Amino acid sequence: MKREASKITEKYVTEKTFESSMLSIAQNFMRIEESLGMIVKELKNLHEDNKYMRQTLSSFTSDVSRHDRKISNLDVRVEKLELKSK
């Protein structure tokens, strides 16, 4: 919801109007800063979640490759045993 600037009927900017304008600007900047703070928090949370997922996937892939090696070693042993049994 946009607020329109009130029209100033005075010819010159007075100290009172200047202060009220600066106060309004300061309040707007505070709201923006709070919003940006929330965004930064969310980004940090997402970063931590992604970091955890990458670590988890990394450990899974190393486990899978280790198991694949064990299976291939067992395959070789079975083949050797089959050759011996013939």
Protein backbone atom coordinates (compact mmCIF):
# COMPACT_ATOMS: atom_id res chain seq x y z
CA MET A 1 0.00 0.00 0.00
CA LYS A 2 1.68 3.16 -1.19
CA ARG A 3 1.35 6.38 0.68
CA GLU A 4 1.41 9.54 -1.28
CA ALA A 5 3.60 12.36 -0.11
CA SER A 6 1.62 15.16 1.41
CA LYS A 7 1.78 18.32 -0.59
CA ILE A 8 3.72 21.08 1.06
CA THR A 9 2.03 24.43 0.76
CA GLU A 10 4.92 26.28 2.27
CA LYS A 11 7.39 27.96 -0.03
CA TYR A 12 10.43 26.88 2.04
CA VAL A 13 11.25 23.73 3.94
CA THR A 14 11.04 24.40 7.63
CA GLU A 15 12.95 22.62 10.32
CA LYS A 16 9.76 20.90 11.47
CA THR A 17 8.92 19.48 8.02
CA PHE A 18 12.54 18.49 7.46
CA GLU A 19 12.68 16.62 10.78
CA SER A 20 9.40 14.83 10.14
CA SER A 21 10.61 13.81 6.68
CA MET A 22 13.91 12.54 8.05
CA LEU A 23 12.08 10.64 10.79
CA SER A 24 9.87 8.99 8.19
CA ILE A 25 12.90 8.06 6.09
CA ALA A 26 14.68 6.65 9.15
CA GLN A 27 11.65 4.52 10.02
CA ASN A 28 11.51 3.19 6.46
CA PHE A 29 15.20 2.28 6.62
CA MET A 30 14.65 0.49 9.95
CA ARG A 31 11.87 -1.61 8.40
CA ILE A 32 14.07 -2.42 5.41
CA GLU A 33 16.95 -3.37 7.70
CA GLU A 34 14.71 -5.68 9.72
CA SER A 35 13.45 -7.33 6.51
CA LEU A 36 16.99 -7.79 5.24
CA GLY A 37 17.99 -9.27 8.60
CA MET A 38 15.23 -11.84 8.27
CA ILE A 39 16.31 -12.66 4.72
CA VAL A 40 19.92 -13.10 5.83
CA LYS A 41 18.81 -15.46 8.63
CA GLU A 42 16.82 -17.55 6.15
CA LEU A 43 19.76 -17.67 3.74
CA LYS A 44 22.07 -18.81 6.55
CA ASN A 45 19.60 -21.54 7.51
CA LEU A 46 19.37 -22.69 3.89
CA HIS A 47 23.15 -22.69 3.62
CA GLU A 48 23.49 -24.84 6.74
CA ASP A 49 20.80 -27.24 5.47
CA ASN A 50 22.56 -27.56 2.12
CA LYS A 51 25.90 -28.10 3.84
CA TYR A 52 24.40 -30.91 5.93
CA MET A 53 22.83 -32.50 2.84
CA ARG A 54 26.12 -32.36 0.92
CA GLN A 55 27.96 -33.98 3.82
CA THR A 56 25.31 -36.69 4.12
CA LEU A 57 25.34 -37.42 0.40
CA SER A 58 29.12 -37.48 0.40
CA SER A 59 29.17 -40.10 3.15
CA PHE A 60 26.53 -42.14 1.29
CA THR A 61 28.52 -42.13 -1.93
CA SER A 62 31.68 -43.22 -0.13
CA ASP A 63 29.72 -46.01 1.57
CA VAL A 64 28.28 -47.14 -1.76
CA SER A 65 31.68 -47.18 -3.45
CA ARG A 66 33.14 -49.15 -0.52
CA HIS A 67 30.33 -51.70 -0.77
CA ASP A 68 30.78 -51.95 -4.53
CA ARG A 69 34.46 -52.76 -4.01
CA LYS A 70 33.58 -55.44 -1.47
CA ILE A 71 31.06 -56.97 -3.86
CA SER A 72 33.53 -57.00 -6.72
CA ASN A 73 36.13 -58.62 -4.44
CA LEU A 74 33.59 -61.26 -3.45
CA ASP A 75 32.75 -61.85 -7.13
CA VAL A 76 36.42 -62.46 -7.88
CA ARG A 77 36.72 -64.87 -4.95
CA VAL A 78 33.61 -66.77 -6.06
CA GLU A 79 34.98 -67.04 -9.59
CA LYS A 80 38.28 -68.41 -8.26
CA LEU A 81 36.43 -70.95 -6.11
CA GLU A 82 34.32 -72.01 -9.07
CA LEU A 83 37.45 -72.52 -11.14
CA LYS A 84 39.01 -74.60 -8.37
CA SER A 85 35.91 -76.76 -8.04
CA LYS A 86 35.98 -77.72 -11.75
